[in-house]
Amino acid sequence: MRVVYRKKRDALVSAIERYFSNKVEVIGEDSGLHILLKVRNGMFEEELIKRASDKDIKIYPVSTYYEEGSAPKNTVLLGGAILSEAEIEEAIQLLYKAWFLS
C-alpha cells in the first residue's frame, strides 16, 4: 500500500510542478498523503477554496489548524489518496485554471 500512496504523492507533486512552476510552493511533500500549497496569486485561503469548489475540487483550509489570525493567508491543504494518477493530473490542471486563468 505504501508504494501505491508514494506513487500518488509523486504524481501530485509532479503535476503541481508541471502546471504551477514557481507560482506555488509545495510544503511537506515528503511528509505523507497530504501537502500544503502556498499559492502566489494574491488570493487568500477562502477564495482559493471557493474557486477550487467551483471546479468540483475539494481542498481544505489550513486556518483551522492555527490560532486565530496566525495562519498563512494563501495556503491550503490538499491530497490525492482517493484519486487515480490520471484524476490527480486533471485536478491539478483544473486548479491552475481556477486560480490563474479565471
PDB file of N, CA and C in Angstrom:
ATOM      1  N   MET A   1       0.814  -1.188   0.000  1.00  0.00           N
ATOM      2  CA  MET A   1       0.000   0.000   0.000  1.00  0.00           C
ATOM      3  C   MET A   1       0.863   1.260   0.000  1.00  0.00           C
ATOM      4  N   ARG A   2       1.969   1.214   0.717  1.00  0.00           N
ATOM      5  CA  ARG A   2       2.860   2.372   0.755  1.00  0.00           C
ATOM      6  C   ARG A   2       3.333   2.767  -0.637  1.00  0.00           C
ATOM      7  N   VAL A   3       3.620   1.776  -1.461  1.00  0.00           N
ATOM      8  CA  VAL A   3       4.087   2.050  -2.819  1.00  0.00           C
ATOM      9  C   VAL A   3       3.008   2.776  -3.612  1.00  0.00           C
ATOM     10  N   VAL A   4       1.773   2.360  -3.456  1.00  0.00           N
ATOM     11  CA  VAL A   4       0.655   2.998  -4.166  1.00  0.00           C
ATOM     12  C   VAL A   4       0.536   4.457  -3.756  1.00  0.00           C
ATOM     13  N   TYR A   5       0.563   4.722  -2.450  1.00  0.00           N
ATOM     14  CA  TYR A   5       0.425   6.099  -1.967  1.00  0.00           C
ATOM     15  C   TYR A   5       1.627   6.954  -2.352  1.00  0.00           C
ATOM     16  N   ARG A   6       2.807   6.362  -2.349  1.00  0.00           N
ATOM     17  CA  ARG A   6       4.001   7.105  -2.756  1.00  0.00           C
ATOM     18  C   ARG A   6       3.892   7.516  -4.226  1.00  0.00           C
ATOM     19  N   LYS A   7       3.399   6.605  -5.062  1.00  0.00           N
ATOM     20  CA  LYS A   7       3.224   6.928  -6.484  1.00  0.00           C
ATOM     21  C   LYS A   7       2.202   8.045  -6.666  1.00  0.00           C
ATOM     22  N   LYS A   8       1.142   8.013  -5.884  1.00  0.00           N
ATOM     23  CA  LYS A   8       0.126   9.067  -5.978  1.00  0.00           C
ATOM     24  C   LYS A   8       0.680  10.406  -5.505  1.00  0.00           C
ATOM     25  N   ARG A   9       1.425  10.391  -4.397  1.00  0.00           N
ATOM     26  CA  ARG A   9       2.037  11.627  -3.916  1.00  0.00           C
ATOM     27  C   ARG A   9       3.020  12.169  -4.946  1.00  0.00           C
ATOM     28  N   ASP A  10       3.820  11.296  -5.522  1.00  0.00           N
ATOM     29  CA  ASP A  10       4.767  11.723  -6.550  1.00  0.00           C
ATOM     30  C   ASP A  10       4.040  12.289  -7.764  1.00  0.00           C
ATOM     31  N   ALA A  11       2.926  11.680  -8.145  1.00  0.00           N
ATOM     32  CA  ALA A  11       2.126  12.190  -9.267  1.00  0.00           C
ATOM     33  C   ALA A  11       1.557  13.563  -8.933  1.00  0.00           C
ATOM     34  N   LEU A  12       1.128  13.746  -7.690  1.00  0.00           N
ATOM     35  CA  LEU A  12       0.585  15.028  -7.251  1.00  0.00           C
ATOM     36  C   LEU A  12       1.647  16.120  -7.318  1.00  0.00           C
ATOM     37  N   VAL A  13       2.797  15.868  -6.742  1.00  0.00           N
ATOM     38  CA  VAL A  13       3.872  16.864  -6.725  1.00  0.00           C
ATOM     39  C   VAL A  13       4.364  17.144  -8.139  1.00  0.00           C
ATOM     40  N   SER A  14       4.496  16.120  -8.947  1.00  0.00           N
ATOM     41  CA  SER A  14       4.941  16.289 -10.331  1.00  0.00           C
ATOM     42  C   SER A  14       3.962  17.149 -11.128  1.00  0.00           C
ATOM     43  N   ALA A  15       2.670  16.893 -10.976  1.00  0.00           N
ATOM     44  CA  ALA A  15       1.661  17.688 -11.689  1.00  0.00           C
ATOM     45  C   ALA A  15       1.685  19.138 -11.219  1.00  0.00           C
ATOM     46  N   ILE A  16       1.844  19.344  -9.924  1.00  0.00           N
ATOM     47  CA  ILE A  16       1.929  20.710  -9.396  1.00  0.00           C
ATOM     48  C   ILE A  16       3.120  21.431 -10.003  1.00  0.00           C
ATOM     49  N   GLU A  17       4.273  20.791 -10.027  1.00  0.00           N
ATOM     50  CA  GLU A  17       5.471  21.410 -10.601  1.00  0.00           C
ATOM     51  C   GLU A  17       5.279  21.707 -12.082  1.00  0.00           C
ATOM     52  N   ARG A  18       4.640  20.809 -12.793  1.00  0.00           N
ATOM     53  CA  ARG A  18       4.440  20.970 -14.232  1.00  0.00           C
ATOM     54  C   ARG A  18       3.500  22.136 -14.544  1.00  0.00           C
ATOM     55  N   TYR A  19       2.388  22.227 -13.849  1.00  0.00           N
ATOM     56  CA  TYR A  19       1.395  23.258 -14.158  1.00  0.00           C
ATOM     57  C   TYR A  19       1.691  24.599 -13.493  1.00  0.00           C
ATOM     58  N   PHE A  20       2.161  24.573 -12.260  1.00  0.00           N
ATOM     59  CA  PHE A  20       2.299  25.810 -11.500  1.00  0.00           C
ATOM     60  C   PHE A  20       3.702  26.396 -11.526  1.00  0.00           C
ATOM     61  N   SER A  21       4.708  25.576 -11.758  1.00  0.00           N
ATOM     62  CA  SER A  21       6.095  26.021 -11.774  1.00  0.00           C
ATOM     63  C   SER A  21       6.401  26.798 -10.493  1.00  0.00           C
ATOM     64  N   ASN A  22       6.803  28.054 -10.622  1.00  0.00           N
ATOM     65  CA  ASN A  22       7.180  28.852  -9.450  1.00  0.00           C
ATOM     66  C   ASN A  22       6.018  29.672  -8.884  1.00  0.00           C
ATOM     67  N   LYS A  23       4.806  29.404  -9.315  1.00  0.00           N
ATOM     68  CA  LYS A  23       3.635  30.156  -8.844  1.00  0.00           C
ATOM     69  C   LYS A  23       3.103  29.631  -7.515  1.00  0.00           C
ATOM     70  N   VAL A  24       3.629  28.515  -7.063  1.00  0.00           N
ATOM     71  CA  VAL A  24       3.242  27.944  -5.774  1.00  0.00           C
ATOM     72  C   VAL A  24       4.480  27.387  -5.078  1.00  0.00           C
ATOM     73  N   GLU A  25       4.341  27.172  -3.794  1.00  0.00           N
ATOM     74  CA  GLU A  25       5.372  26.483  -3.023  1.00  0.00           C
ATOM     75  C   GLU A  25       4.732  25.255  -2.390  1.00  0.00           C
ATOM     76  N   VAL A  26       5.322  24.098  -2.624  1.00  0.00           N
ATOM     77  CA  VAL A  26       4.846  22.854  -2.023  1.00  0.00           C
ATOM     78  C   VAL A  26       5.540  22.698  -0.671  1.00  0.00           C
ATOM     79  N   ILE A  27       4.738  22.499   0.367  1.00  0.00           N
ATOM     80  CA  ILE A  27       5.266  22.341   1.721  1.00  0.00           C
ATOM     81  C   ILE A  27       4.882  20.951   2.218  1.00  0.00           C
ATOM     82  N   GLY A  28       5.879  20.203   2.673  1.00  0.00           N
ATOM     83  CA  GLY A  28       5.615  18.877   3.232  1.00  0.00           C
ATOM     84  C   GLY A  28       5.461  17.787   2.196  1.00  0.00           C
ATOM     85  N   GLU A  29       6.122  17.933   1.073  1.00  0.00           N
ATOM     86  CA  GLU A  29       5.956  16.944   0.003  1.00  0.00           C
ATOM     87  C   GLU A  29       6.453  15.555   0.384  1.00  0.00           C
ATOM     88  N   ASP A  30       7.289  15.460   1.407  1.00  0.00           N
ATOM     89  CA  ASP A  30       7.796  14.157   1.836  1.00  0.00           C
ATOM     90  C   ASP A  30       7.146  13.663   3.125  1.00  0.00           C
ATOM     91  N   SER A  31       6.056  14.313   3.533  1.00  0.00           N
ATOM     92  CA  SER A  31       5.506  14.007   4.853  1.00  0.00           C
ATOM     93  C   SER A  31       4.324  13.042   4.855  1.00  0.00           C
ATOM     94  N   GLY A  32       3.790  12.688   3.719  1.00  0.00           N
ATOM     95  CA  GLY A  32       2.665  11.759   3.727  1.00  0.00           C
ATOM     96  C   GLY A  32       1.705  11.995   2.585  1.00  0.00           C
ATOM     97  N   LEU A  33       0.426  11.752   2.848  1.00  0.00           N
ATOM     98  CA  LEU A  33      -0.588  11.786   1.797  1.00  0.00           C
ATOM     99  C   LEU A  33      -1.114  13.179   1.484  1.00  0.00           C
ATOM    100  N   HIS A  34      -0.897  14.129   2.360  1.00  0.00           N
ATOM    101  CA  HIS A  34      -1.367  15.489   2.137  1.00  0.00           C
ATOM    102  C   HIS A  34      -0.181  16.441   2.056  1.00  0.00           C
ATOM    103  N   ILE A  35      -0.382  17.536   1.340  1.00  0.00           N
ATOM    104  CA  ILE A  35       0.636  18.576   1.270  1.00  0.00           C
ATOM    105  C   ILE A  35      -0.032  19.926   1.495  1.00  0.00           C
ATOM    106  N   LEU A  36       0.784  20.883   1.861  1.00  0.00           N
ATOM    107  CA  LEU A  36       0.336  22.267   1.914  1.00  0.00           C
ATOM    108  C   LEU A  36       0.798  22.935   0.634  1.00  0.00           C
ATOM    109  N   LEU A  37      -0.047  23.790   0.107  1.00  0.00           N
ATOM    110  CA  LEU A  37       0.271  24.500  -1.121  1.00  0.00           C
ATOM    111  C   LEU A  37       0.130  25.992  -0.857  1.00  0.00           C
ATOM    112  N   LYS A  38       1.256  26.700  -0.933  1.00  0.00           N
ATOM    113  CA  LYS A  38       1.273  28.153  -0.767  1.00  0.00           C
ATOM    114  C   LYS A  38       1.166  28.760  -2.161  1.00  0.00           C
ATOM    115  N   VAL A  39       0.070  29.457  -2.412  1.00  0.00           N
ATOM    116  CA  VAL A  39      -0.257  29.944  -3.756  1.00  0.00           C
ATOM    117  C   VAL A  39       0.118  31.417  -3.875  1.00  0.00           C
ATOM    118  N   ARG A  40       0.859  31.737  -4.928  1.00  0.00           N
ATOM    119  CA  ARG A  40       1.345  33.104  -5.144  1.00  0.00           C
ATOM    120  C   ARG A  40       0.552  33.788  -6.263  1.00  0.00           C
ATOM    121  N   ASN A  41      -0.696  34.122  -5.949  1.00  0.00           N
ATOM    122  CA  ASN A  41      -1.512  34.830  -6.939  1.00  0.00           C
ATOM    123  C   ASN A  41      -2.332  35.959  -6.324  1.00  0.00           C
ATOM    124  N   GLY A  42      -2.068  36.269  -5.065  1.00  0.00           N
ATOM    125  CA  GLY A  42      -2.774  37.348  -4.394  1.00  0.00           C
ATOM    126  C   GLY A  42      -4.088  36.945  -3.750  1.00  0.00           C
ATOM    127  N   MET A  43      -4.516  35.698  -3.929  1.00  0.00           N
ATOM    128  CA  MET A  43      -5.767  35.233  -3.328  1.00  0.00           C
ATOM    129  C   MET A  43      -5.509  34.698  -1.924  1.00  0.00           C
ATOM    130  N   PHE A  44      -6.535  34.834  -1.085  1.00  0.00           N
ATOM    131  CA  PHE A  44      -6.484  34.274   0.254  1.00  0.00           C
ATOM    132  C   PHE A  44      -7.176  32.914   0.270  1.00  0.00           C
ATOM    133  N   GLU A  45      -6.994  32.217   1.367  1.00  0.00           N
ATOM    134  CA  GLU A  45      -7.497  30.853   1.542  1.00  0.00           C
ATOM    135  C   GLU A  45      -8.957  30.692   1.112  1.00  0.00           C
ATOM    136  N   GLU A  46      -9.817  31.571   1.570  1.00  0.00           N
ATOM    137  CA  GLU A  46     -11.252  31.441   1.280  1.00  0.00           C
ATOM    138  C   GLU A  46     -11.537  31.470  -0.221  1.00  0.00           C
ATOM    139  N   GLU A  47     -10.891  32.384  -0.936  1.00  0.00           N
ATOM    140  CA  GLU A  47     -11.116  32.467  -2.382  1.00  0.00           C
ATOM    141  C   GLU A  47     -10.504  31.277  -3.110  1.00  0.00           C
ATOM    142  N   LEU A  48      -9.331  30.832  -2.675  1.00  0.00           N
ATOM    143  CA  LEU A  48      -8.715  29.648  -3.281  1.00  0.00           C
ATOM    144  C   LEU A  48      -9.644  28.442  -3.161  1.00  0.00           C
ATOM    145  N   ILE A  49     -10.224  28.265  -1.976  1.00  0.00           N
ATOM    146  CA  ILE A  49     -11.129  27.136  -1.742  1.00  0.00           C
ATOM    147  C   ILE A  49     -12.396  27.270  -2.572  1.00  0.00           C
ATOM    148  N   LYS A  50     -12.951  28.475  -2.644  1.00  0.00           N
ATOM    149  CA  LYS A  50     -14.175  28.688  -3.417  1.00  0.00           C
ATOM    150  C   LYS A  50     -13.951  28.407  -4.896  1.00  0.00           C
ATOM    151  N   ARG A  51     -12.855  28.919  -5.439  1.00  0.00           N
ATOM    152  CA  ARG A  51     -12.592  28.692  -6.865  1.00  0.00           C
ATOM    153  C   ARG A  51     -12.343  27.219  -7.164  1.00  0.00           C
ATOM    154  N   ALA A  52     -11.680  26.525  -6.254  1.00  0.00           N
ATOM    155  CA  ALA A  52     -11.493  25.082  -6.421  1.00  0.00           C
ATOM    156  C   ALA A  52     -12.845  24.377  -6.386  1.00  0.00           C
ATOM    157  N   SER A  53     -13.677  24.766  -5.451  1.00  0.00           N
ATOM    158  CA  SER A  53     -15.011  24.174  -5.323  1.00  0.00           C
ATOM    159  C   SER A  53     -15.852  24.413  -6.576  1.00  0.00           C
ATOM    160  N   ASP A  54     -15.693  25.583  -7.177  1.00  0.00           N
ATOM    161  CA  ASP A  54     -16.406  25.886  -8.424  1.00  0.00           C
ATOM    162  C   ASP A  54     -16.037  24.918  -9.543  1.00  0.00           C
ATOM    163  N   LYS A  55     -14.851  24.304  -9.440  1.00  0.00           N
ATOM    164  CA  LYS A  55     -14.397  23.297 -10.411  1.00  0.00           C
ATOM    165  C   LYS A  55     -14.603  21.878  -9.878  1.00  0.00           C
ATOM    166  N   ASP A  56     -15.381  21.751  -8.803  1.00  0.00           N
ATOM    167  CA  ASP A  56     -15.664  20.461  -8.159  1.00  0.00           C
ATOM    168  C   ASP A  56     -14.428  19.787  -7.583  1.00  0.00           C
ATOM    169  N   ILE A  57     -13.506  20.593  -7.073  1.00  0.00           N
ATOM    170  CA  ILE A  57     -12.302  20.077  -6.435  1.00  0.00           C
ATOM    171  C   ILE A  57     -12.356  20.447  -4.960  1.00  0.00           C
ATOM    172  N   LYS A  58     -12.153  19.467  -4.116  1.00  0.00           N
ATOM    173  CA  LYS A  58     -12.204  19.676  -2.670  1.00  0.00           C
ATOM    174  C   LYS A  58     -10.793  19.873  -2.135  1.00  0.00           C
ATOM    175  N   ILE A  59     -10.542  21.058  -1.593  1.00  0.00           N
ATOM    176  CA  ILE A  59      -9.308  21.337  -0.868  1.00  0.00           C
ATOM    177  C   ILE A  59      -9.717  21.873   0.496  1.00  0.00           C
ATOM    178  N   TYR A  60      -8.764  21.986   1.388  1.00  0.00           N
ATOM    179  CA  TYR A  60      -9.104  22.273   2.778  1.00  0.00           C
ATOM    180  C   TYR A  60      -8.346  23.479   3.310  1.00  0.00           C
ATOM    181  N   PRO A  61      -8.974  24.204   4.236  1.00  0.00           N
ATOM    182  CA  PRO A  61      -8.297  25.348   4.850  1.00  0.00           C
ATOM    183  C   PRO A  61      -7.227  24.875   5.831  1.00  0.00           C
ATOM    184  N   VAL A  62      -6.164  25.644   5.945  1.00  0.00           N
ATOM    185  CA  VAL A  62      -5.168  25.365   6.980  1.00  0.00           C
ATOM    186  C   VAL A  62      -5.443  26.206   8.217  1.00  0.00           C
ATOM    187  N   SER A  63      -6.271  27.215   8.079  1.00  0.00           N
ATOM    188  CA  SER A  63      -6.540  28.125   9.198  1.00  0.00           C
ATOM    189  C   SER A  63      -7.137  27.406  10.404  1.00  0.00           C
ATOM    190  N   THR A  64      -7.807  26.290  10.188  1.00  0.00           N
ATOM    191  CA  THR A  64      -8.397  25.549  11.304  1.00  0.00           C
ATOM    192  C   THR A  64      -7.336  24.913  12.205  1.00  0.00           C
ATOM    193  N   TYR A  65      -6.096  24.838  11.730  1.00  0.00           N
ATOM    194  CA  TYR A  65      -5.015  24.234  12.497  1.00  0.00           C
ATOM    195  C   TYR A  65      -4.142  25.266  13.201  1.00  0.00           C
ATOM    196  N   TYR A  66      -4.485  26.534  13.096  1.00  0.00           N
ATOM    197  CA  TYR A  66      -3.702  27.622  13.667  1.00  0.00           C
ATOM    198  C   TYR A  66      -4.531  28.398  14.677  1.00  0.00           C
ATOM    199  N   GLU A  67      -3.832  29.102  15.566  1.00  0.00           N
ATOM    200  CA  GLU A  67      -4.522  30.050  16.427  1.00  0.00           C
ATOM    201  C   GLU A  67      -5.078  31.152  15.547  1.00  0.00           C
ATOM    202  N   GLU A  68      -6.176  31.733  15.972  1.00  0.00           N
ATOM    203  CA  GLU A  68      -6.842  32.762  15.174  1.00  0.00           C
ATOM    204  C   GLU A  68      -5.866  33.880  14.797  1.00  0.00           C
ATOM    205  N   GLY A  69      -5.839  34.173  13.513  1.00  0.00           N
ATOM    206  CA  GLY A  69      -5.009  35.253  12.998  1.00  0.00           C
ATOM    207  C   GLY A  69      -3.577  34.881  12.685  1.00  0.00           C
ATOM    208  N   SER A  70      -3.151  33.656  12.986  1.00  0.00           N
ATOM    209  CA  SER A  70      -1.751  33.298  12.764  1.00  0.00           C
ATOM    210  C   SER A  70      -1.530  32.401  11.546  1.00  0.00           C
ATOM    211  N   ALA A  71      -2.595  31.991  10.885  1.00  0.00           N
ATOM    212  CA  ALA A  71      -2.468  31.096   9.723  1.00  0.00           C
ATOM    213  C   ALA A  71      -1.946  31.856   8.516  1.00  0.00           C
ATOM    214  N   PRO A  72      -1.163  31.192   7.675  1.00  0.00           N
ATOM    215  CA  PRO A  72      -0.772  31.829   6.414  1.00  0.00           C
ATOM    216  C   PRO A  72      -2.021  32.102   5.583  1.00  0.00           C
ATOM    217  N   LYS A  73      -2.081  33.247   4.953  1.00  0.00           N
ATOM    218  CA  LYS A  73      -3.298  33.684   4.256  1.00  0.00           C
ATOM    219  C   LYS A  73      -3.515  32.988   2.915  1.00  0.00           C
ATOM    220  N   ASN A  74      -2.455  32.508   2.302  1.00  0.00           N
ATOM    221  CA  ASN A  74      -2.539  31.993   0.934  1.00  0.00           C
ATOM    222  C   ASN A  74      -2.141  30.522   0.828  1.00  0.00           C
ATOM    223  N   THR A  75      -2.447  29.756   1.853  1.00  0.00           N
ATOM    224  CA  THR A  75      -2.024  28.362   1.900  1.00  0.00           C
ATOM    225  C   THR A  75      -3.233  27.458   2.128  1.00  0.00           C
ATOM    226  N   VAL A  76      -3.263  26.345   1.395  1.00  0.00           N
ATOM    227  CA  VAL A  76      -4.348  25.372   1.507  1.00  0.00           C
ATOM    228  C   VAL A  76      -3.767  23.966   1.629  1.00  0.00           C
ATOM    229  N   LEU A  77      -4.609  23.052   2.066  1.00  0.00           N
ATOM    230  CA  LEU A  77      -4.242  21.653   2.244  1.00  0.00           C
ATOM    231  C   LEU A  77      -4.883  20.829   1.136  1.00  0.00           C
ATOM    232  N   LEU A  78      -4.093  19.968   0.509  1.00  0.00           N
ATOM    233  CA  LEU A  78      -4.669  19.077  -0.492  1.00  0.00           C
ATOM    234  C   LEU A  78      -3.974  17.734  -0.488  1.00  0.00           C
ATOM    235  N   GLY A  79      -4.661  16.768  -1.066  1.00  0.00           N
ATOM    236  CA  GLY A  79      -4.131  15.418  -1.158  1.00  0.00           C
ATOM    237  C   GLY A  79      -4.815  14.688  -2.293  1.00  0.00           C
ATOM    238  N   GLY A  80      -4.303  13.517  -2.592  1.00  0.00           N
ATOM    239  CA  GLY A  80      -4.871  12.781  -3.709  1.00  0.00           C
ATOM    240  C   GLY A  80      -4.995  11.296  -3.457  1.00  0.00           C
ATOM    241  N   ALA A  81      -5.137  10.909  -2.204  1.00  0.00           N
ATOM    242  CA  ALA A  81      -5.146   9.484  -1.857  1.00  0.00           C
ATOM    243  C   ALA A  81      -6.286   8.717  -2.516  1.00  0.00           C
ATOM    244  N   ILE A  82      -7.442   9.348  -2.691  1.00  0.00           N
ATOM    245  CA  ILE A  82      -8.588   8.618  -3.257  1.00  0.00           C
ATOM    246  C   ILE A  82      -8.675   8.737  -4.774  1.00  0.00           C
ATOM    247  N   LEU A  83      -7.770   9.503  -5.371  1.00  0.00           N
ATOM    248  CA  LEU A  83      -7.801   9.725  -6.819  1.00  0.00           C
ATOM    249  C   LEU A  83      -6.803   8.828  -7.531  1.00  0.00           C
ATOM    250  N   SER A  84      -7.088   8.520  -8.777  1.00  0.00           N
ATOM    251  CA  SER A  84      -6.104   7.826  -9.615  1.00  0.00           C
ATOM    252  C   SER A  84      -5.063   8.852 -10.057  1.00  0.00           C
ATOM    253  N   GLU A  85      -3.959   8.386 -10.596  1.00  0.00           N
ATOM    254  CA  GLU A  85      -2.931   9.307 -11.083  1.00  0.00           C
ATOM    255  C   GLU A  85      -3.479  10.201 -12.190  1.00  0.00           C
ATOM    256  N   ALA A  86      -4.319   9.670 -13.054  1.00  0.00           N
ATOM    257  CA  ALA A  86      -4.931  10.475 -14.123  1.00  0.00           C
ATOM    258  C   ALA A  86      -5.865  11.532 -13.538  1.00  0.00           C
ATOM    259  N   GLU A  87      -6.609  11.171 -12.497  1.00  0.00           N
ATOM    260  CA  GLU A  87      -7.510  12.133 -11.853  1.00  0.00           C
ATOM    261  C   GLU A  87      -6.728  13.227 -11.132  1.00  0.00           C
ATOM    262  N   ILE A  88      -5.596  12.869 -10.551  1.00  0.00           N
ATOM    263  CA  ILE A  88      -4.731  13.864  -9.912  1.00  0.00           C
ATOM    264  C   ILE A  88      -4.269  14.873 -10.947  1.00  0.00           C
ATOM    265  N   GLU A  89      -3.804  14.392 -12.074  1.00  0.00           N
ATOM    266  CA  GLU A  89      -3.346  15.261 -13.168  1.00  0.00           C
ATOM    267  C   GLU A  89      -4.459  16.221 -13.586  1.00  0.00           C
ATOM    268  N   GLU A  90      -5.646  15.692 -13.791  1.00  0.00           N
ATOM    269  CA  GLU A  90      -6.782  16.512 -14.218  1.00  0.00           C
ATOM    270  C   GLU A  90      -7.149  17.550 -13.153  1.00  0.00           C
ATOM    271  N   ALA A  91      -7.144  17.141 -11.892  1.00  0.00           N
ATOM    272  CA  ALA A  91      -7.497  18.058 -10.803  1.00  0.00           C
ATOM    273  C   ALA A  91      -6.505  19.208 -10.699  1.00  0.00           C
ATOM    274  N   ILE A  92      -5.227  18.926 -10.838  1.00  0.00           N
ATOM    275  CA  ILE A  92      -4.219  19.983 -10.752  1.00  0.00           C
ATOM    276  C   ILE A  92      -4.347  20.937 -11.931  1.00  0.00           C
ATOM    277  N   GLN A  93      -4.616  20.411 -13.099  1.00  0.00           N
ATOM    278  CA  GLN A  93      -4.841  21.269 -14.267  1.00  0.00           C
ATOM    279  C   GLN A  93      -6.048  22.183 -14.028  1.00  0.00           C
ATOM    280  N   LEU A  94      -7.120  21.652 -13.469  1.00  0.00           N
ATOM    281  CA  LEU A  94      -8.305  22.457 -13.166  1.00  0.00           C
ATOM    282  C   LEU A  94      -8.014  23.508 -12.097  1.00  0.00           C
ATOM    283  N   LEU A  95      -7.212  23.153 -11.097  1.00  0.00           N
ATOM    284  CA  LEU A  95      -6.839  24.138 -10.082  1.00  0.00           C
ATOM    285  C   LEU A  95      -6.061  25.286 -10.700  1.00  0.00           C
ATOM    286  N   TYR A  96      -5.140  24.953 -11.591  1.00  0.00           N
ATOM    287  CA  TYR A  96      -4.375  26.009 -12.256  1.00  0.00           C
ATOM    288  C   TYR A  96      -5.316  26.960 -12.995  1.00  0.00           C
ATOM    289  N   LYS A  97      -6.245  26.414 -13.732  1.00  0.00           N
ATOM    290  CA  LYS A  97      -7.208  27.250 -14.461  1.00  0.00           C
ATOM    291  C   LYS A  97      -8.033  28.101 -13.501  1.00  0.00           C
ATOM    292  N   ALA A  98      -8.475  27.508 -12.402  1.00  0.00           N
ATOM    293  CA  ALA A  98      -9.309  28.224 -11.434  1.00  0.00           C
ATOM    294  C   ALA A  98      -8.556  29.367 -10.764  1.00  0.00           C
ATOM    295  N   TRP A  99      -7.285  29.165 -10.494  1.00  0.00           N
ATOM    296  CA  TRP A  99      -6.526  30.155  -9.736  1.00  0.00           C
ATOM    297  C   TRP A  99      -5.760  31.150 -10.590  1.00  0.00           C
ATOM    298  N   PHE A 100      -5.441  30.791 -11.825  1.00  0.00           N
ATOM    299  CA  PHE A 100      -4.602  31.678 -12.628  1.00  0.00           C
ATOM    300  C   PHE A 100      -5.213  32.100 -13.956  1.00  0.00           C
ATOM    301  N   LEU A 101      -6.266  31.452 -14.414  1.00  0.00           N
ATOM    302  CA  LEU A 101      -6.846  31.797 -15.714  1.00  0.00           C
ATOM    303  C   LEU A 101      -8.276  32.303 -15.614  1.00  0.00           C
ATOM    304  N   SER A 102      -8.803  32.428 -14.421  1.00  0.00           N
ATOM    305  CA  SER A 102     -10.192  32.893 -14.258  1.00  0.00           C
ATOM    306  C   SER A 102     -10.236  34.379 -13.982  1.00  0.00           C
TER     307      SER A 102
END
